[in-house]
Amino acid sequence: LVDLVSLRKIISFVGCGIQMYFFFFFGSSECFLLSMMAYDRFVAIGN
């Protein structure tokens, strides 16, 4: 949103690394959380 209204769309090297780290972290965590939720539904329906 900041870049959409800014003339200079920049990010520092460290800032880029931090953004990439947390993107991978939360994305991977959500993949596994969705699989855990599928198991929860299997138990609720099967047992």
All heavy atoms as atom14 arrays in JSON, in Angstrom:
{
  "sequence": "LVDLVSLRKIISFVGCGIQMYFFFFFGSSECFLLSMMAYDRFVAIGN",
  "atom14_mask": [
    [1, 1, 1, 1, 1, 1, 1, 1, 0, 0, 0, 0, 0, 0],
    [1, 1, 1, 1, 1, 1, 1, 0, 0, 0, 0, 0, 0, 0],
    [1, 1, 1, 1, 1, 1, 1, 1, 0, 0, 0, 0, 0, 0],
    [1, 1, 1, 1, 1, 1, 1, 1, 0, 0, 0, 0, 0, 0],
    [1, 1, 1, 1, 1, 1, 1, 0, 0, 0, 0, 0, 0, 0],
    [1, 1, 1, 1, 1, 1, 0, 0, 0, 0, 0, 0, 0, 0],
    [1, 1, 1, 1, 1, 1, 1, 1, 0, 0, 0, 0, 0, 0],
    [1, 1, 1, 1, 1, 1, 1, 1, 1, 1, 1, 0, 0, 0],
    [1, 1, 1, 1, 1, 1, 1, 1, 1, 0, 0, 0, 0, 0],
    [1, 1, 1, 1, 1, 1, 1, 1, 0, 0, 0, 0, 0, 0],
    [1, 1, 1, 1, 1, 1, 1, 1, 0, 0, 0, 0, 0, 0],
    [1, 1, 1, 1, 1, 1, 0, 0, 0, 0, 0, 0, 0, 0],
    [1, 1, 1, 1, 1, 1, 1, 1, 1, 1, 1, 0, 0, 0],
    [1, 1, 1, 1, 1, 1, 1, 0, 0, 0, 0, 0, 0, 0],
    [1, 1, 1, 1, 0, 0, 0, 0, 0, 0, 0, 0, 0, 0],
    [1, 1, 1, 1, 1, 1, 0, 0, 0, 0, 0, 0, 0, 0],
    [1, 1, 1, 1, 0, 0, 0, 0, 0, 0, 0, 0, 0, 0],
    [1, 1, 1, 1, 1, 1, 1, 1, 0, 0, 0, 0, 0, 0],
    [1, 1, 1, 1, 1, 1, 1, 1, 1, 0, 0, 0, 0, 0],
    [1, 1, 1, 1, 1, 1, 1, 1, 0, 0, 0, 0, 0, 0],
    [1, 1, 1, 1, 1, 1, 1, 1, 1, 1, 1, 1, 0, 0],
    [1, 1, 1, 1, 1, 1, 1, 1, 1, 1, 1, 0, 0, 0],
    [1, 1, 1, 1, 1, 1, 1, 1, 1, 1, 1, 0, 0, 0],
    [1, 1, 1, 1, 1, 1, 1, 1, 1, 1, 1, 0, 0, 0],
    [1, 1, 1, 1, 1, 1, 1, 1, 1, 1, 1, 0, 0, 0],
    [1, 1, 1, 1, 1, 1, 1, 1, 1, 1, 1, 0, 0, 0],
    [1, 1, 1, 1, 0, 0, 0, 0, 0, 0, 0, 0, 0, 0],
    [1, 1, 1, 1, 1, 1, 0, 0, 0, 0, 0, 0, 0, 0],
    [1, 1, 1, 1, 1, 1, 0, 0, 0, 0, 0, 0, 0, 0],
    [1, 1, 1, 1, 1, 1, 1, 1, 1, 0, 0, 0, 0, 0],
    [1, 1, 1, 1, 1, 1, 0, 0, 0, 0, 0, 0, 0, 0],
    [1, 1, 1, 1, 1, 1, 1, 1, 1, 1, 1, 0, 0, 0],
    [1, 1, 1, 1, 1, 1, 1, 1, 0, 0, 0, 0, 0, 0],
    [1, 1, 1, 1, 1, 1, 1, 1, 0, 0, 0, 0, 0, 0],
    [1, 1, 1, 1, 1, 1, 0, 0, 0, 0, 0, 0, 0, 0],
    [1, 1, 1, 1, 1, 1, 1, 1, 0, 0, 0, 0, 0, 0],
    [1, 1, 1, 1, 1, 1, 1, 1, 0, 0, 0, 0, 0, 0],
    [1, 1, 1, 1, 1, 0, 0, 0, 0, 0, 0, 0, 0, 0],
    [1, 1, 1, 1, 1, 1, 1, 1, 1, 1, 1, 1, 0, 0],
    [1, 1, 1, 1, 1, 1, 1, 1, 0, 0, 0, 0, 0, 0],
    [1, 1, 1, 1, 1, 1, 1, 1, 1, 1, 1, 0, 0, 0],
    [1, 1, 1, 1, 1, 1, 1, 1, 1, 1, 1, 0, 0, 0],
    [1, 1, 1, 1, 1, 1, 1, 0, 0, 0, 0, 0, 0, 0],
    [1, 1, 1, 1, 1, 0, 0, 0, 0, 0, 0, 0, 0, 0],
    [1, 1, 1, 1, 1, 1, 1, 1, 0, 0, 0, 0, 0, 0],
    [1, 1, 1, 1, 0, 0, 0, 0, 0, 0, 0, 0, 0, 0],
    [1, 1, 1, 1, 1, 1, 1, 1, 0, 0, 0, 0, 0, 0]
  ],
  "atom14_positions": [
    [[0.82, -1.21, 0.0], [0.0, 0.0, 0.0], [0.86, 1.26, 0.0], [0.54, 2.25, -0.66], [-0.93, 0.0, 1.21], [-2.0, -1.11, 1.24], [-2.81, -1.04, 2.53], [-2.92, -1.0, 0.03], [0.0, 0.0, 0.0], [0.0, 0.0, 0.0], [0.0, 0.0, 0.0], [0.0, 0.0, 0.0], [0.0, 0.0, 0.0], [0.0, 0.0, 0.0]],
    [[1.98, 1.21, 0.74], [2.9, 2.36, 0.74], [3.48, 2.57, -0.66], [3.57, 3.7, -1.15], [4.03, 2.14, 1.77], [5.12, 3.2, 1.61], [3.47, 2.18, 3.18], [0.0, 0.0, 0.0], [0.0, 0.0, 0.0], [0.0, 0.0, 0.0], [0.0, 0.0, 0.0], [0.0, 0.0, 0.0], [0.0, 0.0, 0.0], [0.0, 0.0, 0.0]],
    [[3.86, 1.47, -1.33], [4.44, 1.58, -2.66], [3.44, 2.1, -3.69], [3.83, 2.77, -4.67], [4.97, 0.22, -3.12], [6.25, -0.18, -2.39], [6.89, 0.73, -1.83], [6.58, -1.37, -2.37], [0.0, 0.0, 0.0], [0.0, 0.0, 0.0], [0.0, 0.0, 0.0], [0.0, 0.0, 0.0], [0.0, 0.0, 0.0], [0.0, 0.0, 0.0]],
    [[2.17, 1.81, -3.49], [1.15, 2.26, -4.44], [1.03, 3.79, -4.48], [0.66, 4.36, -5.5], [-0.22, 1.65, -4.09], [-0.4, 0.16, -4.42], [-1.74, -0.33, -3.9], [-0.31, -0.08, -5.93], [0.0, 0.0, 0.0], [0.0, 0.0, 0.0], [0.0, 0.0, 0.0], [0.0, 0.0, 0.0], [0.0, 0.0, 0.0], [0.0, 0.0, 0.0]],
    [[1.36, 4.45, -3.35], [1.23, 5.91, -3.28], [2.58, 6.61, -3.27], [2.64, 7.83, -3.15], [0.41, 6.32, -2.04], [-1.0, 5.78, -2.12], [1.08, 5.85, -0.75], [0.0, 0.0, 0.0], [0.0, 0.0, 0.0], [0.0, 0.0, 0.0], [0.0, 0.0, 0.0], [0.0, 0.0, 0.0], [0.0, 0.0, 0.0], [0.0, 0.0, 0.0]],
    [[3.68, 5.84, -3.39], [5.01, 6.43, -3.34], [5.61, 6.52, -4.73], [5.39, 5.64, -5.58], [5.94, 5.59, -2.45], [5.43, 5.51, -1.13], [0.0, 0.0, 0.0], [0.0, 0.0, 0.0], [0.0, 0.0, 0.0], [0.0, 0.0, 0.0], [0.0, 0.0, 0.0], [0.0, 0.0, 0.0], [0.0, 0.0, 0.0], [0.0, 0.0, 0.0]],
    [[6.4, 7.56, -4.95], [7.11, 7.68, -6.21], [8.32, 6.74, -6.24], [8.62, 6.15, -7.28], [7.56, 9.13, -6.41], [6.43, 10.14, -6.58], [7.01, 11.55, -6.7], [5.58, 9.81, -7.81], [0.0, 0.0, 0.0], [0.0, 0.0, 0.0], [0.0, 0.0, 0.0], [0.0, 0.0, 0.0], [0.0, 0.0, 0.0], [0.0, 0.0, 0.0]],
    [[9.02, 6.62, -5.1], [10.18, 5.72, -5.0], [9.74, 4.46, -4.28], [9.48, 4.46, -3.09], [11.33, 6.4, -4.25], [11.88, 7.64, -4.93], [13.12, 8.12, -4.21], [14.2, 7.15, -4.29], [15.16, 7.02, -3.37], [15.16, 7.79, -2.3], [16.12, 6.13, -3.52], [0.0, 0.0, 0.0], [0.0, 0.0, 0.0], [0.0, 0.0, 0.0]],
    [[9.68, 3.38, -5.02], [9.23, 2.1, -4.45], [10.48, 1.29, -4.11], [10.99, 0.52, -4.93], [8.34, 1.36, -5.44], [7.21, 2.25, -5.99], [6.39, 1.52, -7.02], [5.49, 2.48, -7.79], [4.65, 3.32, -6.93], [0.0, 0.0, 0.0], [0.0, 0.0, 0.0], [0.0, 0.0, 0.0], [0.0, 0.0, 0.0], [0.0, 0.0, 0.0]],
    [[10.99, 1.47, -2.9], [12.25, 0.85, -2.52], [12.08, 0.02, -1.24], [11.16, 0.24, -0.45], [13.35, 1.9, -2.29], [12.95, 2.87, -1.17], [13.66, 2.65, -3.58], [14.05, 3.84, -0.78], [0.0, 0.0, 0.0], [0.0, 0.0, 0.0], [0.0, 0.0, 0.0], [0.0, 0.0, 0.0], [0.0, 0.0, 0.0], [0.0, 0.0, 0.0]],
    [[12.98, -0.96, -1.09], [13.06, -1.75, 0.13], [14.53, -2.07, 0.35], [15.27, -2.33, -0.61], [12.21, -3.04, 0.03], [12.18, -3.77, 1.38], [12.71, -3.96, -1.07], [11.17, -4.91, 1.43], [0.0, 0.0, 0.0], [0.0, 0.0, 0.0], [0.0, 0.0, 0.0], [0.0, 0.0, 0.0], [0.0, 0.0, 0.0], [0.0, 0.0, 0.0]],
    [[14.98, -2.03, 1.58], [16.38, -2.3, 1.87], [16.68, -3.79, 1.7], [15.78, -4.63, 1.66], [16.71, -1.87, 3.3], [16.02, -2.69, 4.24], [0.0, 0.0, 0.0], [0.0, 0.0, 0.0], [0.0, 0.0, 0.0], [0.0, 0.0, 0.0], [0.0, 0.0, 0.0], [0.0, 0.0, 0.0], [0.0, 0.0, 0.0], [0.0, 0.0, 0.0]],
    [[17.97, -4.11, 1.61], [18.39, -5.51, 1.47], [17.95, -6.32, 2.68], [17.41, -7.42, 2.55], [19.92, -5.56, 1.32], [20.45, -6.95, 1.09], [20.39, -7.54, -0.16], [21.03, -7.66, 2.13], [20.88, -8.82, -0.38], [21.52, -8.93, 1.93], [21.45, -9.52, 0.67], [0.0, 0.0, 0.0], [0.0, 0.0, 0.0], [0.0, 0.0, 0.0]],
    [[18.17, -5.75, 3.89], [17.76, -6.45, 5.12], [16.23, -6.57, 5.18], [15.69, -7.61, 5.54], [18.3, -5.71, 6.36], [17.75, -6.34, 7.65], [19.83, -5.74, 6.36], [0.0, 0.0, 0.0], [0.0, 0.0, 0.0], [0.0, 0.0, 0.0], [0.0, 0.0, 0.0], [0.0, 0.0, 0.0], [0.0, 0.0, 0.0], [0.0, 0.0, 0.0]],
    [[15.55, -5.48, 4.81], [14.08, -5.5, 4.82], [13.53, -6.54, 3.87], [12.54, -7.22, 4.18], [0.0, 0.0, 0.0], [0.0, 0.0, 0.0], [0.0, 0.0, 0.0], [0.0, 0.0, 0.0], [0.0, 0.0, 0.0], [0.0, 0.0, 0.0], [0.0, 0.0, 0.0], [0.0, 0.0, 0.0], [0.0, 0.0, 0.0], [0.0, 0.0, 0.0]],
    [[14.17, -6.7, 2.72], [13.75, -7.71, 1.75], [13.92, -9.12, 2.33], [13.04, -9.97, 2.19], [14.56, -7.57, 0.46], [14.08, -8.69, -0.86], [0.0, 0.0, 0.0], [0.0, 0.0, 0.0], [0.0, 0.0, 0.0], [0.0, 0.0, 0.0], [0.0, 0.0, 0.0], [0.0, 0.0, 0.0], [0.0, 0.0, 0.0], [0.0, 0.0, 0.0]],
    [[15.05, -9.34, 2.99], [15.29, -10.65, 3.61], [14.29, -10.96, 4.71], [13.8, -12.09, 4.82], [0.0, 0.0, 0.0], [0.0, 0.0, 0.0], [0.0, 0.0, 0.0], [0.0, 0.0, 0.0], [0.0, 0.0, 0.0], [0.0, 0.0, 0.0], [0.0, 0.0, 0.0], [0.0, 0.0, 0.0], [0.0, 0.0, 0.0], [0.0, 0.0, 0.0]],
    [[13.97, -9.95, 5.52], [13.0, -10.15, 6.6], [11.62, -10.46, 6.04], [10.91, -11.35, 6.52], [12.96, -8.91, 7.51], [14.28, -8.77, 8.27], [11.79, -8.99, 8.49], [14.39, -7.49, 9.08], [0.0, 0.0, 0.0], [0.0, 0.0, 0.0], [0.0, 0.0, 0.0], [0.0, 0.0, 0.0], [0.0, 0.0, 0.0], [0.0, 0.0, 0.0]],
    [[11.23, -9.71, 5.02], [9.92, -9.95, 4.4], [9.85, -11.35, 3.8], [8.84, -12.06, 3.95], [9.66, -8.9, 3.31], [8.25, -8.96, 2.74], [8.02, -7.94, 1.64], [8.74, -7.91, 0.66], [7.0, -7.11, 1.81], [0.0, 0.0, 0.0], [0.0, 0.0, 0.0], [0.0, 0.0, 0.0], [0.0, 0.0, 0.0], [0.0, 0.0, 0.0]],
    [[10.92, -11.78, 3.13], [10.95, -13.1, 2.53], [10.88, -14.19, 3.6], [10.15, -15.19, 3.45], [12.23, -13.26, 1.7], [12.28, -14.56, 0.89], [13.86, -14.75, 0.04], [13.9, -13.25, -0.93], [0.0, 0.0, 0.0], [0.0, 0.0, 0.0], [0.0, 0.0, 0.0], [0.0, 0.0, 0.0], [0.0, 0.0, 0.0], [0.0, 0.0, 0.0]],
    [[11.62, -14.0, 4.7], [11.62, -15.0, 5.77], [10.22, -15.21, 6.33], [9.74, -16.34, 6.45], [12.57, -14.57, 6.9], [12.45, -15.44, 8.13], [13.14, -16.66, 8.21], [11.63, -15.08, 9.2], [13.03, -17.48, 9.33], [11.51, -15.9, 10.31], [12.21, -17.09, 10.37], [12.08, -17.91, 11.47], [0.0, 0.0, 0.0], [0.0, 0.0, 0.0]],
    [[9.55, -14.13, 6.68], [8.23, -14.27, 7.29], [7.19, -14.73, 6.29], [6.22, -15.41, 6.66], [7.81, -12.96, 7.96], [8.48, -12.73, 9.27], [9.47, -11.78, 9.4], [8.12, -13.48, 10.37], [10.1, -11.58, 10.62], [8.73, -13.29, 11.6], [9.73, -12.33, 11.73], [0.0, 0.0, 0.0], [0.0, 0.0, 0.0], [0.0, 0.0, 0.0]],
    [[7.37, -14.41, 5.01], [6.46, -14.92, 3.99], [6.55, -16.44, 3.92], [5.53, -17.15, 3.92], [6.78, -14.3, 2.63], [6.06, -14.94, 1.48], [4.71, -14.72, 1.29], [6.74, -15.79, 0.61], [4.03, -15.33, 0.23], [6.07, -16.4, -0.45], [4.72, -16.16, -0.63], [0.0, 0.0, 0.0], [0.0, 0.0, 0.0], [0.0, 0.0, 0.0]],
    [[7.79, -16.97, 3.85], [7.97, -18.43, 3.83], [7.47, -19.06, 5.13], [6.86, -20.13, 5.12], [9.45, -18.77, 3.63], [9.97, -18.49, 2.26], [11.26, -18.03, 2.06], [9.18, -18.69, 1.14], [11.75, -17.78, 0.79], [9.65, -18.45, -0.14], [10.94, -17.99, -0.31], [0.0, 0.0, 0.0], [0.0, 0.0, 0.0], [0.0, 0.0, 0.0]],
    [[7.74, -18.4, 6.25], [7.37, -18.96, 7.56], [5.85, -19.12, 7.68], [5.35, -20.2, 7.98], [7.9, -18.06, 8.67], [7.42, -18.43, 10.05], [7.93, -19.54, 10.7], [6.44, -17.68, 10.68], [7.47, -19.89, 11.97], [5.98, -18.02, 11.94], [6.5, -19.13, 12.59], [0.0, 0.0, 0.0], [0.0, 0.0, 0.0], [0.0, 0.0, 0.0]],
    [[5.11, -18.04, 7.46], [3.67, -18.1, 7.63], [3.01, -18.96, 6.54], [2.02, -19.65, 6.81], [3.07, -16.69, 7.64], [3.44, -15.89, 8.84], [4.11, -14.68, 8.72], [3.14, -16.35, 10.12], [4.47, -13.94, 9.83], [3.48, -15.61, 11.25], [4.15, -14.41, 11.11], [0.0, 0.0, 0.0], [0.0, 0.0, 0.0], [0.0, 0.0, 0.0]],
    [[3.55, -18.92, 5.32], [2.99, -19.74, 4.25], [3.14, -21.23, 4.54], [2.18, -22.0, 4.37], [0.0, 0.0, 0.0], [0.0, 0.0, 0.0], [0.0, 0.0, 0.0], [0.0, 0.0, 0.0], [0.0, 0.0, 0.0], [0.0, 0.0, 0.0], [0.0, 0.0, 0.0], [0.0, 0.0, 0.0], [0.0, 0.0, 0.0], [0.0, 0.0, 0.0]],
    [[4.34, -21.65, 4.98], [4.56, -23.06, 5.3], [3.72, -23.49, 6.49], [3.15, -24.59, 6.5], [6.04, -23.3, 5.61], [6.85, -22.93, 4.52], [0.0, 0.0, 0.0], [0.0, 0.0, 0.0], [0.0, 0.0, 0.0], [0.0, 0.0, 0.0], [0.0, 0.0, 0.0], [0.0, 0.0, 0.0], [0.0, 0.0, 0.0], [0.0, 0.0, 0.0]],
    [[3.62, -22.63, 7.49], [2.82, -22.96, 8.68], [1.36, -23.15, 8.32], [0.69, -24.05, 8.84], [2.96, -21.85, 9.73], [4.31, -21.71, 10.15], [0.0, 0.0, 0.0], [0.0, 0.0, 0.0], [0.0, 0.0, 0.0], [0.0, 0.0, 0.0], [0.0, 0.0, 0.0], [0.0, 0.0, 0.0], [0.0, 0.0, 0.0], [0.0, 0.0, 0.0]],
    [[0.85, -22.32, 7.4], [-0.55, -22.46, 7.0], [-0.8, -23.76, 6.26], [-1.86, -24.38, 6.42], [-0.98, -21.27, 6.15], [-2.45, -21.31, 5.77], [-3.0, -19.99, 5.28], [-2.3, -18.97, 5.41], [-4.12, -19.99, 4.76], [0.0, 0.0, 0.0], [0.0, 0.0, 0.0], [0.0, 0.0, 0.0], [0.0, 0.0, 0.0], [0.0, 0.0, 0.0]],
    [[0.17, -24.21, 5.45], [0.02, -25.49, 4.76], [-0.22, -26.61, 5.76], [-1.12, -27.45, 5.58], [1.26, -25.79, 3.92], [1.44, -24.76, 2.45], [0.0, 0.0, 0.0], [0.0, 0.0, 0.0], [0.0, 0.0, 0.0], [0.0, 0.0, 0.0], [0.0, 0.0, 0.0], [0.0, 0.0, 0.0], [0.0, 0.0, 0.0], [0.0, 0.0, 0.0]],
    [[0.61, -26.65, 6.81], [0.47, -27.73, 7.79], [-0.76, -27.55, 8.66], [-1.39, -28.52, 9.06], [1.74, -27.81, 8.65], [2.84, -28.58, 8.01], [3.77, -27.96, 7.2], [2.94, -29.95, 8.19], [4.78, -28.68, 6.58], [3.94, -30.68, 7.58], [4.87, -30.05, 6.77], [0.0, 0.0, 0.0], [0.0, 0.0, 0.0], [0.0, 0.0, 0.0]],
    [[-1.13, -26.31, 8.96], [-2.33, -26.09, 9.77], [-3.58, -26.57, 9.02], [-4.47, -27.17, 9.62], [-2.47, -24.61, 10.13], [-3.66, -24.26, 11.03], [-3.55, -24.96, 12.37], [-3.77, -22.76, 11.23], [0.0, 0.0, 0.0], [0.0, 0.0, 0.0], [0.0, 0.0, 0.0], [0.0, 0.0, 0.0], [0.0, 0.0, 0.0], [0.0, 0.0, 0.0]],
    [[-3.63, -26.34, 7.72], [-4.77, -26.8, 6.93], [-4.85, -28.33, 6.92], [-5.95, -28.9, 6.92], [-4.68, -26.28, 5.5], [-4.91, -24.77, 5.33], [-4.63, -24.33, 3.9], [-6.35, -24.39, 5.72], [0.0, 0.0, 0.0], [0.0, 0.0, 0.0], [0.0, 0.0, 0.0], [0.0, 0.0, 0.0], [0.0, 0.0, 0.0], [0.0, 0.0, 0.0]],
    [[-3.69, -29.0, 6.93], [-3.71, -30.47, 6.98], [-4.17, -30.95, 8.34], [-4.88, -31.97, 8.44], [-2.32, -31.03, 6.64], [-1.39, -30.72, 7.65], [0.0, 0.0, 0.0], [0.0, 0.0, 0.0], [0.0, 0.0, 0.0], [0.0, 0.0, 0.0], [0.0, 0.0, 0.0], [0.0, 0.0, 0.0], [0.0, 0.0, 0.0], [0.0, 0.0, 0.0]],
    [[-3.8, -30.25, 9.4], [-4.27, -30.61, 10.75], [-5.79, -30.42, 10.86], [-6.49, -31.21, 11.5], [-3.56, -29.77, 11.8], [-2.06, -29.94, 11.84], [-1.54, -31.63, 12.18], [0.2, -31.54, 11.81], [0.0, 0.0, 0.0], [0.0, 0.0, 0.0], [0.0, 0.0, 0.0], [0.0, 0.0, 0.0], [0.0, 0.0, 0.0], [0.0, 0.0, 0.0]],
    [[-6.3, -29.39, 10.22], [-7.74, -29.14, 10.24], [-8.48, -30.23, 9.48], [-9.6, -30.62, 9.85], [-8.04, -27.77, 9.64], [-7.52, -26.61, 10.48], [-7.71, -25.0, 9.68], [-9.48, -24.8, 9.77], [0.0, 0.0, 0.0], [0.0, 0.0, 0.0], [0.0, 0.0, 0.0], [0.0, 0.0, 0.0], [0.0, 0.0, 0.0], [0.0, 0.0, 0.0]],
    [[-7.86, -30.76, 8.41], [-8.48, -31.87, 7.67], [-8.56, -33.11, 8.55], [-9.58, -33.83, 8.54], [-7.68, -32.16, 6.41], [0.0, 0.0, 0.0], [0.0, 0.0, 0.0], [0.0, 0.0, 0.0], [0.0, 0.0, 0.0], [0.0, 0.0, 0.0], [0.0, 0.0, 0.0], [0.0, 0.0, 0.0], [0.0, 0.0, 0.0], [0.0, 0.0, 0.0]],
    [[-7.52, -33.38, 9.32], [-7.55, -34.53, 10.23], [-8.63, -34.35, 11.29], [-9.34, -35.3, 11.64], [-6.19, -34.71, 10.9], [-6.17, -35.8, 11.94], [-6.2, -37.14, 11.57], [-6.14, -35.49, 13.3], [-6.19, -38.14, 12.52], [-6.14, -36.48, 14.26], [-6.17, -37.81, 13.86], [-6.17, -38.8, 14.81], [0.0, 0.0, 0.0], [0.0, 0.0, 0.0]],
    [[-8.78, -33.12, 11.78], [-9.83, -32.83, 12.77], [-11.21, -33.15, 12.2], [-12.06, -33.73, 12.88], [-9.74, -31.35, 13.17], [-10.88, -30.93, 14.06], [-10.87, -31.28, 15.26], [-11.81, -30.25, 13.57], [0.0, 0.0, 0.0], [0.0, 0.0, 0.0], [0.0, 0.0, 0.0], [0.0, 0.0, 0.0], [0.0, 0.0, 0.0], [0.0, 0.0, 0.0]],
    [[-11.44, -32.82, 10.94], [-12.73, -33.11, 10.33], [-12.94, -34.6, 10.11], [-14.06, -35.11, 10.24], [-12.87, -32.36, 9.0], [-13.39, -30.95, 9.2], [-12.64, -29.92, 8.41], [-13.11, -28.58, 8.75], [-12.69, -27.89, 9.82], [-11.85, -28.42, 10.68], [-13.15, -26.68, 10.06], [0.0, 0.0, 0.0], [0.0, 0.0, 0.0], [0.0, 0.0, 0.0]],
    [[-11.85, -35.31, 9.8], [-11.96, -36.77, 9.65], [-12.37, -37.42, 10.98], [-13.23, -38.31, 11.0], [-10.64, -37.35, 9.16], [-10.52, -38.83, 9.41], [-11.34, -39.72, 8.74], [-9.6, -39.31, 10.32], [-11.24, -41.09, 8.97], [-9.49, -40.67, 10.56], [-10.31, -41.56, 9.88], [0.0, 0.0, 0.0], [0.0, 0.0, 0.0], [0.0, 0.0, 0.0]],
    [[-11.75, -36.98, 12.07], [-12.09, -37.54, 13.38], [-13.54, -37.21, 13.74], [-14.28, -38.06, 14.26], [-11.13, -37.03, 14.47], [-11.56, -37.52, 15.85], [-9.7, -37.47, 14.18], [0.0, 0.0, 0.0], [0.0, 0.0, 0.0], [0.0, 0.0, 0.0], [0.0, 0.0, 0.0], [0.0, 0.0, 0.0], [0.0, 0.0, 0.0], [0.0, 0.0, 0.0]],
    [[-13.96, -35.97, 13.45], [-15.32, -35.55, 13.78], [-16.37, -36.37, 13.03], [-17.44, -36.67, 13.57], [-15.5, -34.07, 13.48], [0.0, 0.0, 0.0], [0.0, 0.0, 0.0], [0.0, 0.0, 0.0], [0.0, 0.0, 0.0], [0.0, 0.0, 0.0], [0.0, 0.0, 0.0], [0.0, 0.0, 0.0], [0.0, 0.0, 0.0], [0.0, 0.0, 0.0]],
    [[-16.06, -36.75, 11.78], [-17.02, -37.49, 10.96], [-16.86, -39.0, 11.13], [-17.84, -39.74, 11.2], [-16.87, -37.09, 9.48], [-17.28, -35.62, 9.3], [-17.7, -37.99, 8.57], [-16.97, -35.07, 7.94], [0.0, 0.0, 0.0], [0.0, 0.0, 0.0], [0.0, 0.0, 0.0], [0.0, 0.0, 0.0], [0.0, 0.0, 0.0], [0.0, 0.0, 0.0]],
    [[-15.61, -39.47, 11.2], [-15.37, -40.9, 11.29], [-15.51, -41.49, 12.69], [-15.88, -42.65, 12.84], [0.0, 0.0, 0.0], [0.0, 0.0, 0.0], [0.0, 0.0, 0.0], [0.0, 0.0, 0.0], [0.0, 0.0, 0.0], [0.0, 0.0, 0.0], [0.0, 0.0, 0.0], [0.0, 0.0, 0.0], [0.0, 0.0, 0.0], [0.0, 0.0, 0.0]],
    [[-15.21, -40.69, 13.72], [-15.31, -41.16, 15.1], [-16.01, -40.11, 15.97], [-15.41, -39.58, 16.91], [-13.92, -41.46, 15.67], [-13.21, -42.56, 14.92], [-13.43, -43.73, 15.16], [-12.33, -42.16, 14.01], [0.0, 0.0, 0.0], [0.0, 0.0, 0.0], [0.0, 0.0, 0.0], [0.0, 0.0, 0.0], [0.0, 0.0, 0.0], [0.0, 0.0, 0.0]]
  ]
}
